[in-house]
Amino acid sequence: MKKLLLHVCCGPCSPYVLEKLRTAGFQVTGFFCNPNIQPFREYEFRRLEVARLAEKLAWPVVFAPYDMMEWFAAVRGLEREPERGRRCPVCFRFRLSKTMLHARANGFDVVASTLSISPYKSTAQVNEQGLDLAREFGVGFLAENFKKRDGWPAARERAAELGIRHQDYCGCVFSKAERLLHLRK
């Protein structure tokens, strides 16, 4: 059974992806690495939801340190980019590189990410960064599109069954501002 480290963006996106990967025969450990999430209380809420989910599903999850300033430095100059713009691949690369580092240091065979289930994310951007990092780190990357075949509605339904609240923005302060501007219109 291959050991897979699953980068986890949030609780609602996780159970459906976890179940698909387990069904495919992977031994899955979660990796919550999201210093992009702001404000900190939102980060903490999402972290605790993932911890609660991990307990419910008997799922080991590692929680990476929260270093918001390092993330801001990585995306500097891209603050005005829209969702799915040039900032997103930089953000994906930042978080997936931390995931790859952990995977390589801890004997994982492959990395995947829940990011590709979101209709707000470009699966091509996620997978491009993951595949590039796989070559760099020498760890496999499962370039999957978890939203295909109604994955997103199924994920929302599964999260609701488990009592996991869904957020209304991706997590970074820039996507939150974009969401608030959209609501004002």
N, C-alpha and C. Protein backbone atom coordinates (compact mmCIF):
# COMPACT_ATOMS: atom_id res chain seq x y z
N MET A 1 0.86 -1.18 0.00
CA MET A 1 0.00 0.00 0.00
C MET A 1 0.90 1.24 0.00
N LYS A 2 0.68 2.12 -0.96
CA LYS A 2 1.49 3.34 -1.05
C LYS A 2 1.06 4.35 0.01
N LYS A 3 2.07 5.00 0.59
CA LYS A 3 1.83 6.05 1.58
C LYS A 3 1.65 7.38 0.85
N LEU A 4 0.50 8.02 1.06
CA LEU A 4 0.16 9.27 0.40
C LEU A 4 0.00 10.37 1.43
N LEU A 5 0.65 11.50 1.20
CA LEU A 5 0.49 12.68 2.03
C LEU A 5 -0.45 13.63 1.30
N LEU A 6 -1.60 13.87 1.90
CA LEU A 6 -2.65 14.69 1.29
C LEU A 6 -2.60 16.09 1.85
N HIS A 7 -2.23 17.06 0.98
CA HIS A 7 -2.32 18.45 1.41
C HIS A 7 -3.80 18.78 1.57
N VAL A 8 -4.15 19.28 2.74
CA VAL A 8 -5.54 19.56 3.10
C VAL A 8 -5.74 21.07 3.16
N CYS A 9 -6.67 21.58 2.35
CA CYS A 9 -6.94 23.02 2.38
C CYS A 9 -7.96 23.38 3.43
N CYS A 10 -8.91 22.48 3.71
CA CYS A 10 -9.94 22.76 4.71
C CYS A 10 -10.73 21.49 5.00
N GLY A 11 -11.55 21.55 6.02
CA GLY A 11 -12.35 20.39 6.41
C GLY A 11 -13.36 19.94 5.37
N PRO A 12 -14.18 20.84 4.82
CA PRO A 12 -15.22 20.39 3.90
C PRO A 12 -14.71 19.69 2.64
N CYS A 13 -13.54 20.05 2.18
CA CYS A 13 -13.00 19.44 0.96
C CYS A 13 -12.37 18.07 1.22
N SER A 14 -12.14 17.74 2.47
CA SER A 14 -11.31 16.59 2.80
C SER A 14 -11.98 15.22 2.82
N PRO A 15 -13.16 15.03 3.44
CA PRO A 15 -13.67 13.66 3.59
C PRO A 15 -13.91 12.93 2.28
N TYR A 16 -14.46 13.62 1.30
CA TYR A 16 -14.72 12.99 0.01
C TYR A 16 -13.41 12.55 -0.65
N VAL A 17 -12.42 13.43 -0.65
CA VAL A 17 -11.12 13.11 -1.25
C VAL A 17 -10.45 11.99 -0.47
N LEU A 18 -10.47 12.05 0.84
CA LEU A 18 -9.89 11.01 1.68
C LEU A 18 -10.51 9.64 1.35
N GLU A 19 -11.82 9.60 1.27
CA GLU A 19 -12.51 8.33 0.99
C GLU A 19 -12.17 7.80 -0.40
N LYS A 20 -12.07 8.69 -1.39
CA LYS A 20 -11.68 8.25 -2.74
C LYS A 20 -10.27 7.66 -2.73
N LEU A 21 -9.36 8.32 -2.04
CA LEU A 21 -7.97 7.85 -2.00
C LEU A 21 -7.84 6.54 -1.22
N ARG A 22 -8.55 6.42 -0.13
CA ARG A 22 -8.53 5.16 0.62
C ARG A 22 -9.10 4.02 -0.23
N THR A 23 -10.19 4.30 -0.94
CA THR A 23 -10.80 3.29 -1.81
C THR A 23 -9.82 2.87 -2.92
N ALA A 24 -8.99 3.81 -3.37
CA ALA A 24 -8.00 3.51 -4.41
C ALA A 24 -6.79 2.76 -3.86
N GLY A 25 -6.77 2.52 -2.54
CA GLY A 25 -5.72 1.71 -1.96
C GLY A 25 -4.56 2.46 -1.33
N PHE A 26 -4.70 3.75 -1.14
CA PHE A 26 -3.63 4.53 -0.51
C PHE A 26 -3.79 4.54 1.02
N GLN A 27 -2.66 4.56 1.70
CA GLN A 27 -2.61 4.83 3.13
C GLN A 27 -2.41 6.35 3.25
N VAL A 28 -3.44 7.06 3.70
CA VAL A 28 -3.48 8.52 3.60
C VAL A 28 -3.24 9.20 4.95
N THR A 29 -2.30 10.12 4.94
CA THR A 29 -2.06 11.03 6.07
C THR A 29 -2.34 12.44 5.56
N GLY A 30 -3.03 13.22 6.36
CA GLY A 30 -3.30 14.61 5.98
C GLY A 30 -2.16 15.53 6.38
N PHE A 31 -2.04 16.64 5.65
CA PHE A 31 -1.03 17.65 5.95
C PHE A 31 -1.69 19.01 5.79
N PHE A 32 -1.99 19.65 6.92
CA PHE A 32 -2.66 20.94 6.93
C PHE A 32 -1.60 22.03 6.96
N CYS A 33 -1.38 22.64 5.81
CA CYS A 33 -0.36 23.70 5.67
C CYS A 33 -1.01 24.84 4.90
N ASN A 34 -1.47 25.85 5.63
CA ASN A 34 -2.25 26.91 5.02
C ASN A 34 -2.01 28.26 5.66
N PRO A 35 -0.78 28.78 5.60
CA PRO A 35 -0.52 30.11 6.17
C PRO A 35 -1.15 31.23 5.35
N ASN A 36 -1.80 30.87 4.25
CA ASN A 36 -2.53 31.83 3.44
C ASN A 36 -3.85 32.24 4.08
N ILE A 37 -4.35 31.45 5.01
CA ILE A 37 -5.67 31.69 5.59
C ILE A 37 -5.61 32.84 6.59
N GLN A 38 -6.46 33.83 6.36
CA GLN A 38 -6.57 34.99 7.24
C GLN A 38 -8.04 35.35 7.42
N PRO A 39 -8.38 35.97 8.51
CA PRO A 39 -7.55 36.30 9.66
C PRO A 39 -7.19 35.03 10.44
N PHE A 40 -6.36 35.19 11.46
CA PHE A 40 -5.90 34.03 12.21
C PHE A 40 -7.06 33.25 12.82
N ARG A 41 -8.10 33.93 13.26
CA ARG A 41 -9.24 33.20 13.86
C ARG A 41 -9.89 32.28 12.83
N GLU A 42 -9.89 32.68 11.55
CA GLU A 42 -10.41 31.80 10.49
C GLU A 42 -9.47 30.61 10.29
N TYR A 43 -8.17 30.87 10.32
CA TYR A 43 -7.20 29.79 10.23
C TYR A 43 -7.43 28.79 11.37
N GLU A 44 -7.56 29.32 12.56
CA GLU A 44 -7.73 28.46 13.74
C GLU A 44 -9.03 27.67 13.65
N PHE A 45 -10.11 28.30 13.18
CA PHE A 45 -11.38 27.60 13.00
C PHE A 45 -11.20 26.44 12.02
N ARG A 46 -10.56 26.71 10.88
CA ARG A 46 -10.37 25.65 9.89
C ARG A 46 -9.46 24.54 10.40
N ARG A 47 -8.43 24.92 11.13
CA ARG A 47 -7.51 23.92 11.70
C ARG A 47 -8.28 23.01 12.67
N LEU A 48 -9.09 23.60 13.52
CA LEU A 48 -9.85 22.82 14.49
C LEU A 48 -10.90 21.94 13.82
N GLU A 49 -11.49 22.42 12.74
CA GLU A 49 -12.45 21.59 11.99
C GLU A 49 -11.75 20.38 11.38
N VAL A 50 -10.54 20.58 10.87
CA VAL A 50 -9.78 19.45 10.31
C VAL A 50 -9.41 18.47 11.43
N ALA A 51 -9.03 18.98 12.58
CA ALA A 51 -8.70 18.12 13.72
C ALA A 51 -9.92 17.31 14.16
N ARG A 52 -11.07 17.95 14.17
CA ARG A 52 -12.32 17.27 14.54
C ARG A 52 -12.66 16.19 13.52
N LEU A 53 -12.49 16.52 12.26
CA LEU A 53 -12.73 15.57 11.18
C LEU A 53 -11.77 14.38 11.28
N ALA A 54 -10.51 14.66 11.54
CA ALA A 54 -9.51 13.60 11.66
C ALA A 54 -9.89 12.62 12.77
N GLU A 55 -10.38 13.16 13.86
CA GLU A 55 -10.80 12.29 14.96
C GLU A 55 -12.00 11.43 14.55
N LYS A 56 -12.97 12.02 13.89
CA LYS A 56 -14.17 11.29 13.45
C LYS A 56 -13.84 10.17 12.47
N LEU A 57 -12.86 10.42 11.60
CA LEU A 57 -12.54 9.47 10.52
C LEU A 57 -11.30 8.62 10.81
N ALA A 58 -10.79 8.69 12.04
CA ALA A 58 -9.58 7.93 12.41
C ALA A 58 -8.49 8.16 11.37
N TRP A 59 -8.18 9.42 11.16
CA TRP A 59 -7.28 9.84 10.09
C TRP A 59 -6.11 10.62 10.68
N PRO A 60 -4.89 10.16 10.48
CA PRO A 60 -3.74 10.93 10.98
C PRO A 60 -3.54 12.20 10.16
N VAL A 61 -3.40 13.32 10.84
CA VAL A 61 -3.18 14.61 10.17
C VAL A 61 -2.04 15.33 10.89
N VAL A 62 -1.13 15.88 10.09
CA VAL A 62 -0.03 16.69 10.59
C VAL A 62 -0.39 18.16 10.36
N PHE A 63 -0.14 18.99 11.36
CA PHE A 63 -0.43 20.41 11.26
C PHE A 63 0.88 21.18 11.19
N ALA A 64 1.15 21.78 10.03
CA ALA A 64 2.37 22.55 9.82
C ALA A 64 2.28 23.87 10.57
N PRO A 65 3.42 24.47 10.88
CA PRO A 65 3.41 25.78 11.55
C PRO A 65 2.73 26.85 10.67
N TYR A 66 2.14 27.81 11.34
CA TYR A 66 1.47 28.91 10.67
C TYR A 66 2.45 30.07 10.55
N ASP A 67 2.93 30.33 9.33
CA ASP A 67 3.87 31.43 9.11
C ASP A 67 3.32 32.35 8.03
N MET A 68 2.39 33.19 8.44
CA MET A 68 1.72 34.09 7.52
C MET A 68 2.70 35.05 6.83
N MET A 69 3.71 35.51 7.55
CA MET A 69 4.65 36.48 6.96
C MET A 69 5.45 35.85 5.82
N GLU A 70 5.83 34.59 5.97
CA GLU A 70 6.54 33.90 4.90
C GLU A 70 5.65 33.78 3.66
N TRP A 71 4.37 33.51 3.89
CA TRP A 71 3.43 33.42 2.77
C TRP A 71 3.27 34.78 2.08
N PHE A 72 3.10 35.85 2.87
CA PHE A 72 2.97 37.19 2.29
C PHE A 72 4.20 37.53 1.45
N ALA A 73 5.38 37.15 1.91
CA ALA A 73 6.61 37.40 1.15
C ALA A 73 6.58 36.65 -0.18
N ALA A 74 6.04 35.44 -0.17
CA ALA A 74 5.99 34.63 -1.39
C ALA A 74 5.07 35.25 -2.45
N VAL A 75 3.98 35.87 -2.03
CA VAL A 75 3.00 36.40 -2.99
C VAL A 75 3.13 37.91 -3.19
N ARG A 76 4.17 38.50 -2.62
CA ARG A 76 4.38 39.95 -2.75
C ARG A 76 4.38 40.35 -4.24
N GLY A 77 3.67 41.43 -4.54
CA GLY A 77 3.57 41.92 -5.91
C GLY A 77 2.37 41.35 -6.66
N LEU A 78 1.70 40.36 -6.07
CA LEU A 78 0.55 39.71 -6.74
C LEU A 78 -0.75 39.98 -5.99
N GLU A 79 -0.74 40.96 -5.12
CA GLU A 79 -1.89 41.22 -4.26
C GLU A 79 -3.16 41.56 -5.04
N ARG A 80 -3.03 42.19 -6.19
CA ARG A 80 -4.21 42.62 -6.95
C ARG A 80 -4.69 41.59 -7.97
N GLU A 81 -4.06 40.46 -7.99
CA GLU A 81 -4.47 39.39 -8.91
C GLU A 81 -5.83 38.82 -8.48
N PRO A 82 -6.68 38.50 -9.44
CA PRO A 82 -7.98 37.89 -9.08
C PRO A 82 -7.82 36.41 -8.73
N GLU A 83 -8.86 35.86 -8.15
CA GLU A 83 -8.90 34.41 -7.91
C GLU A 83 -8.65 33.71 -9.25
N ARG A 84 -7.79 32.70 -9.24
CA ARG A 84 -7.34 31.96 -10.42
C ARG A 84 -6.33 32.74 -11.26
N GLY A 85 -5.89 33.88 -10.77
CA GLY A 85 -4.89 34.68 -11.48
C GLY A 85 -3.48 34.18 -11.17
N ARG A 86 -2.50 35.05 -11.35
CA ARG A 86 -1.09 34.67 -11.19
C ARG A 86 -0.69 34.40 -9.74
N ARG A 87 -1.43 34.93 -8.77
CA ARG A 87 -1.11 34.69 -7.36
C ARG A 87 -1.37 33.24 -6.95
N CYS A 88 -2.42 32.65 -7.47
CA CYS A 88 -2.81 31.30 -7.04
C CYS A 88 -1.73 30.24 -7.28
N PRO A 89 -1.11 30.16 -8.46
CA PRO A 89 -0.05 29.16 -8.63
C PRO A 89 1.12 29.36 -7.66
N VAL A 90 1.42 30.60 -7.33
CA VAL A 90 2.50 30.88 -6.38
C VAL A 90 2.09 30.36 -4.99
N CYS A 91 0.86 30.60 -4.62
CA CYS A 91 0.34 30.13 -3.34
C CYS A 91 0.33 28.59 -3.31
N PHE A 92 -0.15 27.97 -4.39
CA PHE A 92 -0.18 26.50 -4.45
C PHE A 92 1.23 25.96 -4.31
N ARG A 93 2.17 26.55 -5.04
CA ARG A 93 3.56 26.09 -5.00
C ARG A 93 4.13 26.22 -3.58
N PHE A 94 3.84 27.34 -2.94
CA PHE A 94 4.33 27.57 -1.58
C PHE A 94 3.86 26.45 -0.65
N ARG A 95 2.56 26.17 -0.66
CA ARG A 95 2.00 25.17 0.26
C ARG A 95 2.39 23.75 -0.14
N LEU A 96 2.39 23.47 -1.45
CA LEU A 96 2.77 22.13 -1.89
C LEU A 96 4.26 21.85 -1.69
N SER A 97 5.11 22.87 -1.75
CA SER A 97 6.54 22.63 -1.50
C SER A 97 6.75 22.24 -0.04
N LYS A 98 6.02 22.85 0.88
CA LYS A 98 6.10 22.45 2.30
C LYS A 98 5.60 21.01 2.46
N THR A 99 4.56 20.66 1.71
CA THR A 99 4.02 19.30 1.76
C THR A 99 5.04 18.31 1.22
N MET A 100 5.68 18.65 0.11
CA MET A 100 6.70 17.78 -0.49
C MET A 100 7.89 17.59 0.45
N LEU A 101 8.30 18.66 1.10
CA LEU A 101 9.41 18.56 2.07
C LEU A 101 9.07 17.55 3.17
N HIS A 102 7.87 17.66 3.70
CA HIS A 102 7.43 16.75 4.75
C HIS A 102 7.35 15.32 4.21
N ALA A 103 6.82 15.18 3.01
CA ALA A 103 6.69 13.85 2.40
C ALA A 103 8.05 13.18 2.22
N ARG A 104 8.98 13.92 1.67
CA ARG A 104 10.32 13.37 1.43
C ARG A 104 11.01 13.01 2.75
N ALA A 105 10.89 13.87 3.74
CA ALA A 105 11.55 13.64 5.03
C ALA A 105 10.93 12.48 5.81
N ASN A 106 9.69 12.12 5.47
CA ASN A 106 8.97 11.11 6.26
C ASN A 106 8.57 9.88 5.47
N GLY A 107 9.20 9.66 4.33
CA GLY A 107 9.03 8.41 3.59
C GLY A 107 7.70 8.20 2.88
N PHE A 108 7.07 9.29 2.46
CA PHE A 108 5.83 9.14 1.69
C PHE A 108 6.18 8.89 0.23
N ASP A 109 5.34 8.11 -0.44
CA ASP A 109 5.56 7.78 -1.85
C ASP A 109 5.01 8.84 -2.79
N VAL A 110 3.91 9.45 -2.36
CA VAL A 110 3.19 10.35 -3.26
C VAL A 110 2.47 11.43 -2.45
N VAL A 111 2.25 12.56 -3.11
CA VAL A 111 1.51 13.70 -2.54
C VAL A 111 0.30 13.96 -3.43
N ALA A 112 -0.79 14.41 -2.82
CA ALA A 112 -1.97 14.87 -3.54
C ALA A 112 -2.49 16.08 -2.78
N SER A 113 -3.49 16.76 -3.34
CA SER A 113 -4.06 17.93 -2.67
C SER A 113 -5.57 17.98 -2.84
N THR A 114 -6.24 18.41 -1.79
CA THR A 114 -7.69 18.62 -1.88
C THR A 114 -8.03 19.86 -2.69
N LEU A 115 -7.04 20.69 -3.00
CA LEU A 115 -7.30 21.94 -3.73
C LEU A 115 -8.03 21.73 -5.04
N SER A 116 -7.80 20.59 -5.69
CA SER A 116 -8.40 20.38 -7.02
C SER A 116 -9.90 20.09 -6.96
N ILE A 117 -10.48 19.96 -5.78
CA ILE A 117 -11.92 19.71 -5.72
C ILE A 117 -12.74 21.00 -5.78
N SER A 118 -12.11 22.11 -5.47
CA SER A 118 -12.84 23.38 -5.41
C SER A 118 -13.15 23.93 -6.80
N PRO A 119 -14.39 24.35 -7.02
CA PRO A 119 -14.72 24.98 -8.30
C PRO A 119 -14.11 26.37 -8.42
N TYR A 120 -13.57 26.90 -7.32
CA TYR A 120 -12.95 28.22 -7.31
C TYR A 120 -11.47 28.16 -7.66
N LYS A 121 -10.94 26.96 -7.78
CA LYS A 121 -9.52 26.76 -8.07
C LYS A 121 -9.34 26.15 -9.46
N SER A 122 -8.25 26.51 -10.09
CA SER A 122 -7.90 25.92 -11.37
C SER A 122 -7.13 24.63 -11.11
N THR A 123 -7.73 23.52 -11.46
CA THR A 123 -7.07 22.23 -11.28
C THR A 123 -5.76 22.18 -12.07
N ALA A 124 -5.75 22.77 -13.25
CA ALA A 124 -4.53 22.79 -14.06
C ALA A 124 -3.40 23.51 -13.32
N GLN A 125 -3.71 24.62 -12.65
CA GLN A 125 -2.69 25.36 -11.89
C GLN A 125 -2.17 24.51 -10.73
N VAL A 126 -3.06 23.85 -10.01
CA VAL A 126 -2.66 23.00 -8.89
C VAL A 126 -1.75 21.88 -9.37
N ASN A 127 -2.21 21.17 -10.40
CA ASN A 127 -1.47 20.01 -10.89
C ASN A 127 -0.14 20.40 -11.53
N GLU A 128 -0.10 21.51 -12.21
CA GLU A 128 1.16 21.97 -12.81
C GLU A 128 2.21 22.19 -11.72
N GLN A 129 1.82 22.84 -10.63
CA GLN A 129 2.76 23.09 -9.54
C GLN A 129 3.16 21.77 -8.87
N GLY A 130 2.20 20.91 -8.64
CA GLY A 130 2.49 19.63 -7.99
C GLY A 130 3.43 18.76 -8.80
N LEU A 131 3.20 18.68 -10.11
CA LEU A 131 4.06 17.86 -10.97
C LEU A 131 5.47 18.44 -11.06
N ASP A 132 5.57 19.75 -11.12
CA ASP A 132 6.89 20.39 -11.16
C ASP A 132 7.65 20.12 -9.86
N LEU A 133 6.97 20.25 -8.74
CA LEU A 133 7.60 19.99 -7.44
C LEU A 133 7.96 18.52 -7.26
N ALA A 134 7.16 17.63 -7.84
CA ALA A 134 7.47 16.19 -7.76
C ALA A 134 8.83 15.91 -8.38
N ARG A 135 9.10 16.53 -9.51
CA ARG A 135 10.42 16.36 -10.16
C ARG A 135 11.52 16.94 -9.28
N GLU A 136 11.26 18.08 -8.68
CA GLU A 136 12.25 18.76 -7.85
C GLU A 136 12.56 17.97 -6.56
N PHE A 137 11.53 17.40 -5.93
CA PHE A 137 11.70 16.74 -4.64
C PHE A 137 11.87 15.23 -4.73
N GLY A 138 11.59 14.65 -5.89
CA GLY A 138 11.72 13.20 -6.02
C GLY A 138 10.63 12.42 -5.31
N VAL A 139 9.47 13.04 -5.15
CA VAL A 139 8.30 12.41 -4.55
C VAL A 139 7.19 12.48 -5.59
N GLY A 140 6.42 11.42 -5.74
CA GLY A 140 5.34 11.43 -6.73
C GLY A 140 4.26 12.45 -6.41
N PHE A 141 3.52 12.84 -7.43
CA PHE A 141 2.37 13.72 -7.25
C PHE A 141 1.18 13.14 -8.01
N LEU A 142 0.07 12.97 -7.34
CA LEU A 142 -1.15 12.46 -7.95
C LEU A 142 -1.90 13.65 -8.54
N ALA A 143 -1.77 13.83 -9.85
CA ALA A 143 -2.41 14.96 -10.54
C ALA A 143 -3.86 14.58 -10.83
N GLU A 144 -4.69 14.83 -9.87
CA GLU A 144 -6.10 14.42 -9.93
C GLU A 144 -7.00 15.64 -10.04
N ASN A 145 -8.16 15.44 -10.62
CA ASN A 145 -9.21 16.45 -10.63
C ASN A 145 -10.37 15.88 -9.83
N PHE A 146 -10.38 16.17 -8.54
CA PHE A 146 -11.39 15.58 -7.66
C PHE A 146 -12.79 16.16 -7.87
N LYS A 147 -12.90 17.26 -8.61
CA LYS A 147 -14.24 17.83 -8.84
C LYS A 147 -14.98 17.15 -9.98
N LYS A 148 -14.27 16.35 -10.80
CA LYS A 148 -14.95 15.67 -11.91
C LYS A 148 -15.95 14.64 -11.38
N ARG A 149 -16.89 14.29 -12.22
CA ARG A 149 -17.96 13.35 -11.87
C ARG A 149 -18.70 13.79 -10.61
N ASP A 150 -19.04 15.09 -10.57
CA ASP A 150 -19.81 15.66 -9.46
C ASP A 150 -19.12 15.55 -8.11
N GLY A 151 -17.80 15.62 -8.12
CA GLY A 151 -17.04 15.54 -6.87
C GLY A 151 -17.35 16.67 -5.91
N TRP A 152 -17.50 17.88 -6.45
CA TRP A 152 -17.77 19.03 -5.57
C TRP A 152 -19.10 18.90 -4.84
N PRO A 153 -20.22 18.62 -5.52
CA PRO A 153 -21.48 18.44 -4.78
C PRO A 153 -21.42 17.26 -3.80
N ALA A 154 -20.75 16.19 -4.20
CA ALA A 154 -20.62 15.04 -3.31
C ALA A 154 -19.80 15.40 -2.08
N ALA A 155 -18.76 16.21 -2.27
CA ALA A 155 -17.93 16.64 -1.15
C ALA A 155 -18.72 17.51 -0.18
N ARG A 156 -19.52 18.41 -0.72
CA ARG A 156 -20.34 19.29 0.13
C ARG A 156 -21.36 18.47 0.93
N GLU A 157 -21.96 17.48 0.26
CA GLU A 157 -22.94 16.62 0.93
C GLU A 157 -22.28 15.81 2.05
N ARG A 158 -21.11 15.25 1.76
CA ARG A 158 -20.40 14.44 2.76
C ARG A 158 -19.99 15.31 3.95
N ALA A 159 -19.51 16.50 3.69
CA ALA A 159 -19.13 17.42 4.77
C ALA A 159 -20.34 17.77 5.63
N ALA A 160 -21.49 18.01 5.00
CA ALA A 160 -22.71 18.32 5.74
C ALA A 160 -23.12 17.15 6.63
N GLU A 161 -23.01 15.93 6.12
CA GLU A 161 -23.33 14.74 6.91
C GLU A 161 -22.46 14.67 8.16
N LEU A 162 -21.21 15.12 8.04
CA LEU A 162 -20.27 15.06 9.15
C LEU A 162 -20.32 16.32 10.03
N GLY A 163 -21.16 17.29 9.64
CA GLY A 163 -21.30 18.52 10.42
C GLY A 163 -20.14 19.48 10.26
N ILE A 164 -19.47 19.45 9.10
CA ILE A 164 -18.34 20.33 8.83
C ILE A 164 -18.84 21.55 8.06
N ARG A 165 -18.61 22.73 8.60
CA ARG A 165 -19.08 23.97 7.97
C ARG A 165 -18.22 24.34 6.77
N HIS A 166 -18.88 24.79 5.71
CA HIS A 166 -18.18 25.22 4.50
C HIS A 166 -17.95 26.73 4.54
N GLN A 167 -16.76 27.15 4.11
CA GLN A 167 -16.42 28.56 4.09
C GLN A 167 -16.87 29.20 2.78
N ASP A 168 -16.92 30.53 2.73
CA ASP A 168 -17.36 31.20 1.52
C ASP A 168 -16.24 31.94 0.79
N TYR A 169 -15.00 31.69 1.16
CA TYR A 169 -13.85 32.23 0.41
C TYR A 169 -12.69 31.28 0.61
N CYS A 170 -11.70 31.36 -0.28
CA CYS A 170 -10.62 30.37 -0.28
C CYS A 170 -9.76 30.45 0.96
N GLY A 171 -9.63 31.60 1.53
CA GLY A 171 -8.85 31.69 2.75
C GLY A 171 -7.93 32.87 2.84
N CYS A 172 -7.36 33.30 1.72
CA CYS A 172 -6.44 34.43 1.81
C CYS A 172 -7.21 35.74 1.88
N VAL A 173 -6.54 36.73 2.43
CA VAL A 173 -7.16 38.03 2.62
C VAL A 173 -7.58 38.65 1.28
N PHE A 174 -6.86 38.32 0.23
CA PHE A 174 -7.18 38.87 -1.09
C PHE A 174 -8.46 38.24 -1.65
N SER A 175 -8.62 36.93 -1.46
CA SER A 175 -9.86 36.29 -1.93
C SER A 175 -11.04 36.73 -1.08
N LYS A 176 -10.80 36.99 0.21
CA LYS A 176 -11.89 37.47 1.06
C LYS A 176 -12.35 38.85 0.59
N ALA A 177 -11.41 39.73 0.28
CA ALA A 177 -11.76 41.07 -0.21
C ALA A 177 -12.52 40.96 -1.53
N GLU A 178 -12.07 40.07 -2.42
CA GLU A 178 -12.75 39.87 -3.69
C GLU A 178 -14.17 39.38 -3.47
N ARG A 179 -14.35 38.46 -2.53
CA ARG A 179 -15.67 37.92 -2.20
C ARG A 179 -16.57 39.02 -1.65
N LEU A 180 -16.06 39.84 -0.75
CA LEU A 180 -16.86 40.92 -0.16
C LEU A 180 -17.26 41.95 -1.21
N LEU A 181 -16.35 42.27 -2.13
CA LEU A 181 -16.68 43.20 -3.22
C LEU A 181 -17.76 42.61 -4.12
N HIS A 182 -17.68 41.33 -4.38
CA HIS A 182 -18.69 40.65 -5.21
C HIS A 182 -20.07 40.70 -4.53
N LEU A 183 -20.10 40.50 -3.22
CA LEU A 183 -21.37 40.54 -2.49
C LEU A 183 -21.97 41.93 -2.48
N ARG A 184 -21.13 42.96 -2.47
CA ARG A 184 -21.62 44.34 -2.47
C ARG A 184 -22.29 44.70 -3.78
N LYS A 185 -21.86 44.07 -4.87
CA LYS A 185 -22.44 44.36 -6.18
C LYS A 185 -23.81 43.79 -6.21
